[in-house]
C-alpha atoms as a PDB file:
ATOM      1  CA  UNK A   1       0.000   0.000   0.000  1.00  0.00           C
ATOM      2  CA  UNK A   2       1.350   3.422  -0.956  1.00  0.00           C
ATOM      3  CA  UNK A   3       2.008   5.830   1.874  1.00  0.00           C
ATOM      4  CA  UNK A   4      -0.013   9.003   2.172  1.00  0.00           C
ATOM      5  CA  UNK A   5       2.021  12.129   1.550  1.00  0.00           C
ATOM      6  CA  UNK A   6       1.534  15.802   2.223  1.00  0.00           C
ATOM      7  CA  UNK A   7       2.755  18.468  -0.191  1.00  0.00           C
ATOM      8  CA  UNK A   8       3.279  22.153   0.493  1.00  0.00           C
ATOM      9  CA  UNK A   9       4.576  25.004  -1.636  1.00  0.00           C
ATOM     10  CA  UNK A  10       6.340  28.012  -0.108  1.00  0.00           C
ATOM     11  CA  UNK A  11       4.717  30.934  -1.897  1.00  0.00           C
ATOM     12  CA  UNK A  12       7.374  33.317  -0.584  1.00  0.00           C
ATOM     13  CA  UNK A  13       9.902  31.701  -2.941  1.00  0.00           C
ATOM     14  CA  UNK A  14       7.808  30.052  -5.704  1.00  0.00           C
ATOM     15  CA  UNK A  15       8.478  31.807  -9.023  1.00  0.00           C
ATOM     16  CA  UNK A  16       5.691  30.131 -10.995  1.00  0.00           C
ATOM     17  CA  UNK A  17       8.028  28.148 -13.238  1.00  0.00           C
ATOM     18  CA  UNK A  18       5.325  25.406 -13.368  1.00  0.00           C
ATOM     19  CA  UNK A  19       7.822  22.570 -13.839  1.00  0.00           C
ATOM     20  CA  UNK A  20       5.991  20.725 -11.051  1.00  0.00           C
ATOM     21  CA  UNK A  21       2.737  20.933 -12.995  1.00  0.00           C
ATOM     22  CA  UNK A  22       4.453  19.612 -16.113  1.00  0.00           C
ATOM     23  CA  UNK A  23       5.731  16.569 -14.209  1.00  0.00           C
ATOM     24  CA  UNK A  24       2.910  15.845 -11.736  1.00  0.00           C
ATOM     25  CA  UNK A  25      -0.102  17.104 -13.660  1.00  0.00           C
ATOM     26  CA  UNK A  26      -2.731  16.060 -11.119  1.00  0.00           C
ATOM     27  CA  UNK A  27      -0.913  16.871  -7.885  1.00  0.00           C
ATOM     28  CA  UNK A  28      -0.243  20.557  -8.643  1.00  0.00           C
ATOM     29  CA  UNK A  29      -2.001  23.504 -10.241  1.00  0.00           C
ATOM     30  CA  UNK A  30      -1.526  27.281 -10.323  1.00  0.00           C
ATOM     31  CA  UNK A  31      -3.227  29.715  -7.963  1.00  0.00           C
ATOM     32  CA  UNK A  32      -4.516  33.179  -8.912  1.00  0.00           C
ATOM     33  CA  UNK A  33      -0.990  34.610  -8.545  1.00  0.00           C
ATOM     34  CA  UNK A  34       0.318  31.987 -11.006  1.00  0.00           C
ATOM     35  CA  UNK A  35       2.222  30.163  -8.288  1.00  0.00           C
ATOM     36  CA  UNK A  36       2.130  26.412  -7.837  1.00  0.00           C
ATOM     37  CA  UNK A  37      -0.076  24.906  -5.192  1.00  0.00           C
ATOM     38  CA  UNK A  38      -0.889  21.413  -4.051  1.00  0.00           C
ATOM     39  CA  UNK A  39      -4.093  20.389  -5.787  1.00  0.00           C
ATOM     40  CA  UNK A  40      -4.373  16.651  -5.166  1.00  0.00           C
ATOM     41  CA  UNK A  41      -1.424  14.865  -3.532  1.00  0.00           C
ATOM     42  CA  UNK A  42      -3.178  11.554  -4.195  1.00  0.00           C
ATOM     43  CA  UNK A  43      -3.538  12.373  -7.894  1.00  0.00           C
ATOM     44  CA  UNK A  44      -0.039  11.329  -8.944  1.00  0.00           C
ATOM     45  CA  UNK A  45       2.414   8.733  -7.692  1.00  0.00           C
ATOM     46  CA  UNK A  46       4.848   9.532  -4.917  1.00  0.00           C
ATOM     47  CA  UNK A  47       7.659   9.129  -7.426  1.00  0.00           C
ATOM     48  CA  UNK A  48       6.212  11.782  -9.753  1.00  0.00           C
ATOM     49  CA  UNK A  49       5.576  14.188  -6.891  1.00  0.00           C
ATOM     50  CA  UNK A  50       9.130  13.766  -5.610  1.00  0.00           C
ATOM     51  CA  UNK A  51      10.461  14.261  -9.148  1.00  0.00           C
ATOM     52  CA  UNK A  52       8.411  17.462  -9.419  1.00  0.00           C
ATOM     53  CA  UNK A  53       9.788  18.708  -6.090  1.00  0.00           C
ATOM     54  CA  UNK A  54      13.350  17.859  -7.103  1.00  0.00           C
ATOM     55  CA  UNK A  55      12.951  19.808 -10.351  1.00  0.00           C
ATOM     56  CA  UNK A  56      11.638  22.983  -8.728  1.00  0.00           C
ATOM     57  CA  UNK A  57      14.282  25.602  -9.610  1.00  0.00           C
ATOM     58  CA  UNK A  58      13.908  27.379  -6.253  1.00  0.00           C
ATOM     59  CA  UNK A  59      13.183  24.357  -3.984  1.00  0.00           C
ATOM     60  CA  UNK A  60       9.782  25.712  -2.987  1.00  0.00           C
ATOM     61  CA  UNK A  61       8.137  22.282  -2.593  1.00  0.00           C
ATOM     62  CA  UNK A  62       8.214  20.245   0.611  1.00  0.00           C
ATOM     63  CA  UNK A  63       7.003  16.644   0.626  1.00  0.00           C
ATOM     64  CA  UNK A  64       6.319  14.833   3.893  1.00  0.00           C
ATOM     65  CA  UNK A  65       4.895  11.487   4.988  1.00  0.00           C
ATOM     66  CA  UNK A  66       1.399  12.448   6.196  1.00  0.00           C
ATOM     67  CA  UNK A  67       1.324   9.739   8.870  1.00  0.00           C
ATOM     68  CA  UNK A  68       4.787  10.055  10.402  1.00  0.00           C
ATOM     69  CA  UNK A  69       5.705  13.652   9.576  1.00  0.00           C
ATOM     70  CA  UNK A  70       8.997  12.446   8.074  1.00  0.00           C
ATOM     71  CA  UNK A  71      10.254  14.972   5.534  1.00  0.00           C
ATOM     72  CA  UNK A  72      10.837  13.195   2.230  1.00  0.00           C
ATOM     73  CA  UNK A  73      12.016  16.247   0.286  1.00  0.00           C
ATOM     74  CA  UNK A  74      14.061  18.386   0.558  1.00  0.00           C
END
Protein backbone atom coordinates (compact mmCIF):
# COMPACT_ATOMS: atom_id res chain seq x y z
CA UNK A 1 0.00 0.00 0.00
CA UNK A 2 1.35 3.42 -0.96
CA UNK A 3 2.01 5.83 1.87
CA UNK A 4 -0.01 9.00 2.17
CA UNK A 5 2.02 12.13 1.55
CA UNK A 6 1.53 15.80 2.22
CA UNK A 7 2.76 18.47 -0.19
CA UNK A 8 3.28 22.15 0.49
CA UNK A 9 4.58 25.00 -1.64
CA UNK A 10 6.34 28.01 -0.11
CA UNK A 11 4.72 30.93 -1.90
CA UNK A 12 7.37 33.32 -0.58
CA UNK A 13 9.90 31.70 -2.94
CA UNK A 14 7.81 30.05 -5.70
CA UNK A 15 8.48 31.81 -9.02
CA UNK A 16 5.69 30.13 -11.00
CA UNK A 17 8.03 28.15 -13.24
CA UNK A 18 5.33 25.41 -13.37
CA UNK A 19 7.82 22.57 -13.84
CA UNK A 20 5.99 20.72 -11.05
CA UNK A 21 2.74 20.93 -12.99
CA UNK A 22 4.45 19.61 -16.11
CA UNK A 23 5.73 16.57 -14.21
CA UNK A 24 2.91 15.84 -11.74
CA UNK A 25 -0.10 17.10 -13.66
CA UNK A 26 -2.73 16.06 -11.12
CA UNK A 27 -0.91 16.87 -7.88
CA UNK A 28 -0.24 20.56 -8.64
CA UNK A 29 -2.00 23.50 -10.24
CA UNK A 30 -1.53 27.28 -10.32
CA UNK A 31 -3.23 29.71 -7.96
CA UNK A 32 -4.52 33.18 -8.91
CA UNK A 33 -0.99 34.61 -8.55
CA UNK A 34 0.32 31.99 -11.01
CA UNK A 35 2.22 30.16 -8.29
CA UNK A 36 2.13 26.41 -7.84
CA UNK A 37 -0.08 24.91 -5.19
CA UNK A 38 -0.89 21.41 -4.05
CA UNK A 39 -4.09 20.39 -5.79
CA UNK A 40 -4.37 16.65 -5.17
CA UNK A 41 -1.42 14.87 -3.53
CA UNK A 42 -3.18 11.55 -4.19
CA UNK A 43 -3.54 12.37 -7.89
CA UNK A 44 -0.04 11.33 -8.94
CA UNK A 45 2.41 8.73 -7.69
CA UNK A 46 4.85 9.53 -4.92
CA UNK A 47 7.66 9.13 -7.43
CA UNK A 48 6.21 11.78 -9.75
CA UNK A 49 5.58 14.19 -6.89
CA UNK A 50 9.13 13.77 -5.61
CA UNK A 51 10.46 14.26 -9.15
CA UNK A 52 8.41 17.46 -9.42
CA UNK A 53 9.79 18.71 -6.09
CA UNK A 54 13.35 17.86 -7.10
CA UNK A 55 12.95 19.81 -10.35
CA UNK A 56 11.64 22.98 -8.73
CA UNK A 57 14.28 25.60 -9.61
CA UNK A 58 13.91 27.38 -6.25
CA UNK A 59 13.18 24.36 -3.98
CA UNK A 60 9.78 25.71 -2.99
CA UNK A 61 8.14 22.28 -2.59
CA UNK A 62 8.21 20.24 0.61
CA UNK A 63 7.00 16.64 0.63
CA UNK A 64 6.32 14.83 3.89
CA UNK A 65 4.89 11.49 4.99
CA UNK A 66 1.40 12.45 6.20
CA UNK A 67 1.32 9.74 8.87
CA UNK A 68 4.79 10.05 10.40
CA UNK A 69 5.71 13.65 9.58
CA UNK A 70 9.00 12.45 8.07
CA UNK A 71 10.25 14.97 5.53
CA UNK A 72 10.84 13.20 2.23
CA UNK A 73 12.02 16.25 0.29
CA UNK A 74 14.06 18.39 0.56
